[in-house]
């Protein structure tokens, strides 16, 4: 522990940036975790309530229900599909596919490139600190004024702390990045499955009362106006 404190004091110019990158990376990981948690949807609870709302109140009622939620599938994916439902199921599919590819997936990858960049930079900065410290140590050894290699062994050990600190920063960030990418891939599959379920629900949705009445009226022959009927009766 004393050796590490000596490294922080003597090589503060490399230790402080490493600490800053570690704290920044940790903050970004926590931020991304909170975004994922708030955007997650429990489809086993949502879909039955959504289907009931769709059958009872129609598309407008289901649309209001989705807009009142904060999760990604309901608030963004289903809203995008329901808003164009009057144009047909093909338009619903296109709208949801475009929303997934152009809006939701970029948001799910938010912060992930930054996390990976910090992990890579931390490794290189740590290696740079080690190299610079080693150059200074070997320069002192070459001068021969400090008693040889034995007296510089501690300096060589301190130089390696920079690389170790860079690896300690980078390894958890790379691991978190891999987990986040896997979560995004699974969530994309869930979104596509939810989109297909919405299309099936719209296909199976019973017609509203107004639509059924309109369909019944349209299936028969439209009666002539009352004036036409009275004129025909007078001629007879």
C-alpha atoms as a PDB file:
ATOM      1  CA  UNK A   1       0.000   0.000   0.000  1.00  0.00           C
ATOM      2  CA  UNK A   2       2.849   2.366   0.831  1.00  0.00           C
ATOM      3  CA  UNK A   3       4.391   1.663  -2.580  1.00  0.00           C
ATOM      4  CA  UNK A   4       1.125   2.614  -4.281  1.00  0.00           C
ATOM      5  CA  UNK A   5       0.879   5.846  -2.274  1.00  0.00           C
ATOM      6  CA  UNK A   6       4.451   6.614  -3.241  1.00  0.00           C
ATOM      7  CA  UNK A   7       3.497   6.097  -6.879  1.00  0.00           C
ATOM      8  CA  UNK A   8       0.523   8.456  -6.527  1.00  0.00           C
ATOM      9  CA  UNK A   9       2.689  11.132  -4.914  1.00  0.00           C
ATOM     10  CA  UNK A  10       5.713  10.844  -7.179  1.00  0.00           C
ATOM     11  CA  UNK A  11       3.908  10.135 -10.466  1.00  0.00           C
ATOM     12  CA  UNK A  12       0.780  12.189  -9.868  1.00  0.00           C
ATOM     13  CA  UNK A  13       0.849  13.403 -13.464  1.00  0.00           C
ATOM     14  CA  UNK A  14      -0.148   9.898 -14.592  1.00  0.00           C
ATOM     15  CA  UNK A  15      -2.058   8.734 -11.486  1.00  0.00           C
ATOM     16  CA  UNK A  16      -4.622  11.533 -11.425  1.00  0.00           C
ATOM     17  CA  UNK A  17      -5.700  11.134 -15.085  1.00  0.00           C
ATOM     18  CA  UNK A  18      -6.060   7.405 -14.484  1.00  0.00           C
ATOM     19  CA  UNK A  19      -8.277   8.021 -11.464  1.00  0.00           C
ATOM     20  CA  UNK A  20     -10.341  10.497 -13.486  1.00  0.00           C
ATOM     21  CA  UNK A  21     -10.873   7.958 -16.284  1.00  0.00           C
ATOM     22  CA  UNK A  22     -11.825   5.275 -13.757  1.00  0.00           C
ATOM     23  CA  UNK A  23     -14.445   7.473 -12.099  1.00  0.00           C
ATOM     24  CA  UNK A  24     -15.777   8.661 -15.460  1.00  0.00           C
ATOM     25  CA  UNK A  25     -16.094   5.107 -16.731  1.00  0.00           C
ATOM     26  CA  UNK A  26     -17.888   4.029 -13.554  1.00  0.00           C
ATOM     27  CA  UNK A  27     -20.323   6.939 -13.837  1.00  0.00           C
ATOM     28  CA  UNK A  28     -21.090   6.092 -17.481  1.00  0.00           C
ATOM     29  CA  UNK A  29     -21.711   2.430 -16.649  1.00  0.00           C
ATOM     30  CA  UNK A  30     -24.133   3.374 -13.860  1.00  0.00           C
ATOM     31  CA  UNK A  31     -25.860   5.849 -16.184  1.00  0.00           C
ATOM     32  CA  UNK A  32     -26.299   3.190 -18.858  1.00  0.00           C
ATOM     33  CA  UNK A  33     -27.634   0.699 -16.294  1.00  0.00           C
ATOM     34  CA  UNK A  34     -30.277   3.181 -15.161  1.00  0.00           C
ATOM     35  CA  UNK A  35     -31.324   3.882 -18.748  1.00  0.00           C
ATOM     36  CA  UNK A  36     -31.677   0.160 -19.458  1.00  0.00           C
ATOM     37  CA  UNK A  37     -33.655  -0.409 -16.270  1.00  0.00           C
ATOM     38  CA  UNK A  38     -36.098   2.425 -16.943  1.00  0.00           C
ATOM     39  CA  UNK A  39     -36.641   1.374 -20.552  1.00  0.00           C
ATOM     40  CA  UNK A  40     -37.308  -2.299 -19.886  1.00  0.00           C
ATOM     41  CA  UNK A  41     -40.819  -3.700 -20.460  1.00  0.00           C
ATOM     42  CA  UNK A  42     -42.449  -6.692 -18.807  1.00  0.00           C
ATOM     43  CA  UNK A  43     -44.373  -8.032 -21.787  1.00  0.00           C
ATOM     44  CA  UNK A  44     -46.133 -10.706 -19.723  1.00  0.00           C
ATOM     45  CA  UNK A  45     -47.895  -7.948 -17.793  1.00  0.00           C
ATOM     46  CA  UNK A  46     -48.185  -5.359 -20.536  1.00  0.00           C
ATOM     47  CA  UNK A  47     -49.588  -7.359 -23.446  1.00  0.00           C
ATOM     48  CA  UNK A  48     -52.762  -8.675 -21.727  1.00  0.00           C
ATOM     49  CA  UNK A  49     -53.627  -5.187 -20.468  1.00  0.00           C
ATOM     50  CA  UNK A  50     -52.841  -3.728 -23.898  1.00  0.00           C
ATOM     51  CA  UNK A  51     -55.001  -6.301 -25.691  1.00  0.00           C
ATOM     52  CA  UNK A  52     -57.902  -5.622 -23.355  1.00  0.00           C
ATOM     53  CA  UNK A  53     -57.567  -1.884 -23.899  1.00  0.00           C
ATOM     54  CA  UNK A  54     -57.332  -2.348 -27.674  1.00  0.00           C
ATOM     55  CA  UNK A  55     -60.465  -4.510 -27.835  1.00  0.00           C
ATOM     56  CA  UNK A  56     -62.482  -2.248 -25.526  1.00  0.00           C
ATOM     57  CA  UNK A  57     -61.459   1.271 -26.611  1.00  0.00           C
ATOM     58  CA  UNK A  58     -59.967   0.667 -30.035  1.00  0.00           C
ATOM     59  CA  UNK A  59     -56.727   2.043 -31.450  1.00  0.00           C
ATOM     60  CA  UNK A  60     -57.127   5.481 -29.890  1.00  0.00           C
ATOM     61  CA  UNK A  61     -57.518   4.071 -26.405  1.00  0.00           C
ATOM     62  CA  UNK A  62     -54.521   1.762 -26.845  1.00  0.00           C
ATOM     63  CA  UNK A  63     -52.507   4.675 -28.212  1.00  0.00           C
ATOM     64  CA  UNK A  64     -53.269   6.810 -25.166  1.00  0.00           C
ATOM     65  CA  UNK A  65     -52.301   3.909 -22.899  1.00  0.00           C
ATOM     66  CA  UNK A  66     -48.928   3.526 -24.618  1.00  0.00           C
ATOM     67  CA  UNK A  67     -48.226   7.247 -24.525  1.00  0.00           C
ATOM     68  CA  UNK A  68     -48.788   7.293 -20.769  1.00  0.00           C
ATOM     69  CA  UNK A  69     -45.964   4.794 -20.170  1.00  0.00           C
ATOM     70  CA  UNK A  70     -42.204   5.370 -19.997  1.00  0.00           C
ATOM     71  CA  UNK A  71     -40.806   2.054 -21.263  1.00  0.00           C
ATOM     72  CA  UNK A  72     -39.321   1.735 -24.737  1.00  0.00           C
ATOM     73  CA  UNK A  73     -41.575  -0.884 -26.318  1.00  0.00           C
ATOM     74  CA  UNK A  74     -44.842   0.741 -25.327  1.00  0.00           C
ATOM     75  CA  UNK A  75     -43.876   4.421 -25.437  1.00  0.00           C
ATOM     76  CA  UNK A  76     -41.889   4.368 -28.672  1.00  0.00           C
ATOM     77  CA  UNK A  77     -42.365   1.138 -30.631  1.00  0.00           C
ATOM     78  CA  UNK A  78     -46.091   0.600 -30.181  1.00  0.00           C
ATOM     79  CA  UNK A  79     -46.882   4.297 -30.513  1.00  0.00           C
ATOM     80  CA  UNK A  80     -45.041   4.349 -33.853  1.00  0.00           C
ATOM     81  CA  UNK A  81     -47.138   1.412 -35.073  1.00  0.00           C
ATOM     82  CA  UNK A  82     -50.494   2.566 -33.765  1.00  0.00           C
ATOM     83  CA  UNK A  83     -50.129   6.074 -35.191  1.00  0.00           C
ATOM     84  CA  UNK A  84     -50.133   4.684 -38.749  1.00  0.00           C
ATOM     85  CA  UNK A  85     -52.558   1.798 -38.147  1.00  0.00           C
ATOM     86  CA  UNK A  86     -55.223   3.467 -40.316  1.00  0.00           C
ATOM     87  CA  UNK A  87     -52.898   3.069 -43.311  1.00  0.00           C
ATOM     88  CA  UNK A  88     -52.860  -0.716 -43.017  1.00  0.00           C
ATOM     89  CA  UNK A  89     -50.713  -3.428 -41.481  1.00  0.00           C
ATOM     90  CA  UNK A  90     -47.921  -2.954 -44.018  1.00  0.00           C
ATOM     91  CA  UNK A  91     -47.513   0.646 -42.871  1.00  0.00           C
ATOM     92  CA  UNK A  92     -47.489  -0.534 -39.246  1.00  0.00           C
ATOM     93  CA  UNK A  93     -44.656  -2.965 -39.977  1.00  0.00           C
ATOM     94  CA  UNK A  94     -42.613  -0.354 -41.848  1.00  0.00           C
ATOM     95  CA  UNK A  95     -43.095   2.269 -39.158  1.00  0.00           C
ATOM     96  CA  UNK A  96     -42.002  -0.049 -36.347  1.00  0.00           C
ATOM     97  CA  UNK A  97     -39.028  -1.369 -38.315  1.00  0.00           C
ATOM     98  CA  UNK A  98     -37.838   2.176 -39.027  1.00  0.00           C
ATOM     99  CA  UNK A  99     -38.309   3.142 -35.390  1.00  0.00           C
ATOM    100  CA  UNK A 100     -36.204   0.206 -34.222  1.00  0.00           C
ATOM    101  CA  UNK A 101     -33.358   0.780 -36.664  1.00  0.00           C
ATOM    102  CA  UNK A 102     -33.237   4.578 -36.744  1.00  0.00           C
ATOM    103  CA  UNK A 103     -34.350   5.649 -33.276  1.00  0.00           C
ATOM    104  CA  UNK A 104     -34.336   2.959 -30.594  1.00  0.00           C
ATOM    105  CA  UNK A 105     -31.125   1.073 -31.395  1.00  0.00           C
ATOM    106  CA  UNK A 106     -28.990   4.256 -31.568  1.00  0.00           C
ATOM    107  CA  UNK A 107     -30.385   5.262 -28.179  1.00  0.00           C
ATOM    108  CA  UNK A 108     -29.649   1.814 -26.724  1.00  0.00           C
ATOM    109  CA  UNK A 109     -26.032   2.133 -27.881  1.00  0.00           C
ATOM    110  CA  UNK A 110     -25.741   5.567 -26.277  1.00  0.00           C
ATOM    111  CA  UNK A 111     -22.594   5.790 -24.069  1.00  0.00           C
ATOM    112  CA  UNK A 112     -21.271   2.396 -25.214  1.00  0.00           C
ATOM    113  CA  UNK A 113     -18.647   3.815 -27.629  1.00  0.00           C
ATOM    114  CA  UNK A 114     -17.510   6.226 -24.917  1.00  0.00           C
ATOM    115  CA  UNK A 115     -17.142   3.408 -22.380  1.00  0.00           C
ATOM    116  CA  UNK A 116     -15.070   1.363 -24.809  1.00  0.00           C
ATOM    117  CA  UNK A 117     -12.951   4.382 -25.731  1.00  0.00           C
ATOM    118  CA  UNK A 118     -12.129   5.073 -22.077  1.00  0.00           C
ATOM    119  CA  UNK A 119     -11.119   1.429 -21.610  1.00  0.00           C
ATOM    120  CA  UNK A 120      -8.739   1.551 -24.575  1.00  0.00           C
ATOM    121  CA  UNK A 121      -7.315   4.951 -23.692  1.00  0.00           C
ATOM    122  CA  UNK A 122      -6.740   3.938 -20.055  1.00  0.00           C
ATOM    123  CA  UNK A 123      -4.627   0.985 -21.152  1.00  0.00           C
ATOM    124  CA  UNK A 124      -2.524   3.112 -23.467  1.00  0.00           C
ATOM    125  CA  UNK A 125      -2.129   5.934 -20.946  1.00  0.00           C
ATOM    126  CA  UNK A 126      -1.002   3.451 -18.306  1.00  0.00           C
ATOM    127  CA  UNK A 127       1.540   1.972 -20.695  1.00  0.00           C
ATOM    128  CA  UNK A 128       2.727   5.455 -21.599  1.00  0.00           C
ATOM    129  CA  UNK A 129       3.261   6.275 -17.929  1.00  0.00           C
ATOM    130  CA  UNK A 130       5.252   3.087 -17.449  1.00  0.00           C
ATOM    131  CA  UNK A 131       7.433   3.790 -20.463  1.00  0.00           C
ATOM    132  CA  UNK A 132       8.165   7.362 -19.385  1.00  0.00           C
ATOM    133  CA  UNK A 133       8.960   6.270 -15.823  1.00  0.00           C
ATOM    134  CA  UNK A 134      11.207   3.485 -17.089  1.00  0.00           C
ATOM    135  CA  UNK A 135      13.069   5.944 -19.314  1.00  0.00           C
ATOM    136  CA  UNK A 136      13.735   8.163 -16.308  1.00  0.00           C
ATOM    137  CA  UNK A 137      14.827   5.178 -14.208  1.00  0.00           C
ATOM    138  CA  UNK A 138      17.264   3.853 -16.789  1.00  0.00           C
ATOM    139  CA  UNK A 139      18.612   7.341 -17.332  1.00  0.00           C
ATOM    140  CA  UNK A 140      19.491   7.517 -13.639  1.00  0.00           C
ATOM    141  CA  UNK A 141      21.067   4.057 -13.832  1.00  0.00           C
ATOM    142  CA  UNK A 142      23.193   5.087 -16.808  1.00  0.00           C
ATOM    143  CA  UNK A 143      24.550   8.055 -14.874  1.00  0.00           C
ATOM    144  CA  UNK A 144      25.837   5.683 -12.201  1.00  0.00           C
ATOM    145  CA  UNK A 145      25.316   8.253  -9.461  1.00  0.00           C
ATOM    146  CA  UNK A 146      22.693   6.397  -7.449  1.00  0.00           C
ATOM    147  CA  UNK A 147      24.470   3.176  -6.625  1.00  0.00           C
ATOM    148  CA  UNK A 148      23.444   0.917  -9.505  1.00  0.00           C
ATOM    149  CA  UNK A 149      20.428  -1.148 -10.437  1.00  0.00           C
ATOM    150  CA  UNK A 150      19.593  -2.288  -6.911  1.00  0.00           C
ATOM    151  CA  UNK A 151      18.777   1.221  -5.759  1.00  0.00           C
ATOM    152  CA  UNK A 152      16.565   1.755  -8.822  1.00  0.00           C
ATOM    153  CA  UNK A 153      14.524  -1.436  -8.367  1.00  0.00           C
ATOM    154  CA  UNK A 154      11.863   0.469  -6.452  1.00  0.00           C
ATOM    155  CA  UNK A 155      11.645   3.013  -9.260  1.00  0.00           C
ATOM    156  CA  UNK A 156      11.070   0.227 -11.788  1.00  0.00           C
ATOM    157  CA  UNK A 157       8.339  -1.210  -9.566  1.00  0.00           C
ATOM    158  CA  UNK A 158       6.652   2.156  -9.262  1.00  0.00           C
ATOM    159  CA  UNK A 159       6.713   2.531 -13.038  1.00  0.00           C
ATOM    160  CA  UNK A 160       4.676  -0.662 -13.404  1.00  0.00           C
ATOM    161  CA  UNK A 161       1.905   0.762 -11.233  1.00  0.00           C
ATOM    162  CA  UNK A 162       0.809   2.908 -14.178  1.00  0.00           C
ATOM    163  CA  UNK A 163       0.235  -0.130 -16.379  1.00  0.00           C
ATOM    164  CA  UNK A 164      -1.523  -1.961 -13.559  1.00  0.00           C
ATOM    165  CA  UNK A 165      -3.818   0.994 -12.916  1.00  0.00           C
ATOM    166  CA  UNK A 166      -4.642   1.229 -16.611  1.00  0.00           C
ATOM    167  CA  UNK A 167      -5.564  -2.468 -16.714  1.00  0.00           C
ATOM    168  CA  UNK A 168      -7.651  -2.177 -13.550  1.00  0.00           C
ATOM    169  CA  UNK A 169      -9.581   0.621 -15.241  1.00  0.00           C
ATOM    170  CA  UNK A 170      -9.911  -1.037 -18.637  1.00  0.00           C
ATOM    171  CA  UNK A 171     -10.871  -4.613 -17.747  1.00  0.00           C
ATOM    172  CA  UNK A 172     -14.186  -3.835 -15.972  1.00  0.00           C
ATOM    173  CA  UNK A 173     -15.141  -1.308 -18.655  1.00  0.00           C
ATOM    174  CA  UNK A 174     -14.524  -3.792 -21.479  1.00  0.00           C
ATOM    175  CA  UNK A 175     -16.503  -6.423 -19.580  1.00  0.00           C
ATOM    176  CA  UNK A 176     -19.383  -3.976 -19.053  1.00  0.00           C
ATOM    177  CA  UNK A 177     -19.303  -3.009 -22.743  1.00  0.00           C
ATOM    178  CA  UNK A 178     -19.613  -6.663 -23.802  1.00  0.00           C
ATOM    179  CA  UNK A 179     -22.546  -7.194 -21.433  1.00  0.00           C
ATOM    180  CA  UNK A 180     -24.293  -4.062 -22.677  1.00  0.00           C
ATOM    181  CA  UNK A 181     -23.903  -5.108 -26.314  1.00  0.00           C
ATOM    182  CA  UNK A 182     -25.337  -8.532 -25.506  1.00  0.00           C
ATOM    183  CA  UNK A 183     -28.267  -6.866 -23.735  1.00  0.00           C
ATOM    184  CA  UNK A 184     -28.914  -4.644 -26.761  1.00  0.00           C
ATOM    185  CA  UNK A 185     -28.949  -7.708 -29.052  1.00  0.00           C
ATOM    186  CA  UNK A 186     -31.441  -9.512 -26.794  1.00  0.00           C
ATOM    187  CA  UNK A 187     -33.607  -6.415 -26.471  1.00  0.00           C
ATOM    188  CA  UNK A 188     -33.668  -5.987 -30.248  1.00  0.00           C
ATOM    189  CA  UNK A 189     -35.015  -9.530 -30.539  1.00  0.00           C
ATOM    190  CA  UNK A 190     -37.664  -8.728 -27.923  1.00  0.00           C
ATOM    191  CA  UNK A 191     -38.678  -5.584 -29.813  1.00  0.00           C
ATOM    192  CA  UNK A 192     -39.101  -7.490 -33.071  1.00  0.00           C
ATOM    193  CA  UNK A 193     -41.150 -10.128 -31.275  1.00  0.00           C
ATOM    194  CA  UNK A 194     -43.308  -7.434 -29.652  1.00  0.00           C
ATOM    195  CA  UNK A 195     -43.793  -5.742 -33.037  1.00  0.00           C
ATOM    196  CA  UNK A 196     -45.024  -9.013 -34.532  1.00  0.00           C
ATOM    197  CA  UNK A 197     -47.437  -9.455 -31.626  1.00  0.00           C
ATOM    198  CA  UNK A 198     -48.846  -5.975 -32.227  1.00  0.00           C
ATOM    199  CA  UNK A 199     -49.505  -6.816 -35.865  1.00  0.00           C
ATOM    200  CA  UNK A 200     -51.284 -10.012 -34.825  1.00  0.00           C
ATOM    201  CA  UNK A 201     -53.363  -8.127 -32.257  1.00  0.00           C
ATOM    202  CA  UNK A 202     -54.418  -5.574 -34.861  1.00  0.00           C
ATOM    203  CA  UNK A 203     -55.403  -8.373 -37.235  1.00  0.00           C
ATOM    204  CA  UNK A 204     -57.488 -10.111 -34.570  1.00  0.00           C
ATOM    205  CA  UNK A 205     -59.018  -6.912 -33.180  1.00  0.00           C
ATOM    206  CA  UNK A 206     -62.819  -6.991 -33.446  1.00  0.00           C
ATOM    207  CA  UNK A 207     -64.349  -4.039 -35.304  1.00  0.00           C
ATOM    208  CA  UNK A 208     -65.711  -1.198 -33.218  1.00  0.00           C
ATOM    209  CA  UNK A 209     -69.459  -0.514 -33.055  1.00  0.00           C
ATOM    210  CA  UNK A 210     -69.216   2.388 -35.452  1.00  0.00           C
ATOM    211  CA  UNK A 211     -67.239   0.378 -37.957  1.00  0.00           C
ATOM    212  CA  UNK A 212     -69.624  -2.551 -37.694  1.00  0.00           C
ATOM    213  CA  UNK A 213     -72.615  -0.290 -38.281  1.00  0.00           C
ATOM    214  CA  UNK A 214     -70.903   1.286 -41.264  1.00  0.00           C
ATOM    215  CA  UNK A 215     -70.093  -2.122 -42.661  1.00  0.00           C
ATOM    216  CA  UNK A 216     -73.695  -3.265 -42.222  1.00  0.00           C
ATOM    217  CA  UNK A 217     -75.032  -0.180 -43.969  1.00  0.00           C
ATOM    218  CA  UNK A 218     -72.595  -0.519 -46.824  1.00  0.00           C
ATOM    219  CA  UNK A 219     -73.525  -4.130 -47.473  1.00  0.00           C
ATOM    220  CA  UNK A 220     -77.157  -3.298 -48.382  1.00  0.00           C
ATOM    221  CA  UNK A 221     -78.745  -1.170 -51.127  1.00  0.00           C
ATOM    222  CA  UNK A 222     -78.999   2.492 -50.235  1.00  0.00           C
ATOM    223  CA  UNK A 223     -82.688   3.507 -50.225  1.00  0.00           C
ATOM    224  CA  UNK A 224     -83.675   6.417 -52.492  1.00  0.00           C
ATOM    225  CA  UNK A 225     -84.593   9.775 -50.937  1.00  0.00           C
ATOM    226  CA  UNK A 226     -88.105  10.171 -49.577  1.00  0.00           C
ATOM    227  CA  UNK A 227     -89.017  12.701 -52.280  1.00  0.00           C
ATOM    228  CA  UNK A 228     -88.146  10.239 -55.019  1.00  0.00           C
ATOM    229  CA  UNK A 229     -90.214   7.551 -53.311  1.00  0.00           C
ATOM    230  CA  UNK A 230     -93.314   9.810 -53.068  1.00  0.00           C
ATOM    231  CA  UNK A 231     -92.989  10.930 -56.712  1.00  0.00           C
ATOM    232  CA  UNK A 232     -92.845   7.351 -57.917  1.00  0.00           C
ATOM    233  CA  UNK A 233     -95.910   6.461 -55.890  1.00  0.00           C
ATOM    234  CA  UNK A 234     -97.875   9.423 -57.408  1.00  0.00           C
ATOM    235  CA  UNK A 235     -97.043   8.312 -60.970  1.00  0.00           C
ATOM    236  CA  UNK A 236     -98.297   4.849 -60.212  1.00  0.00           C
END
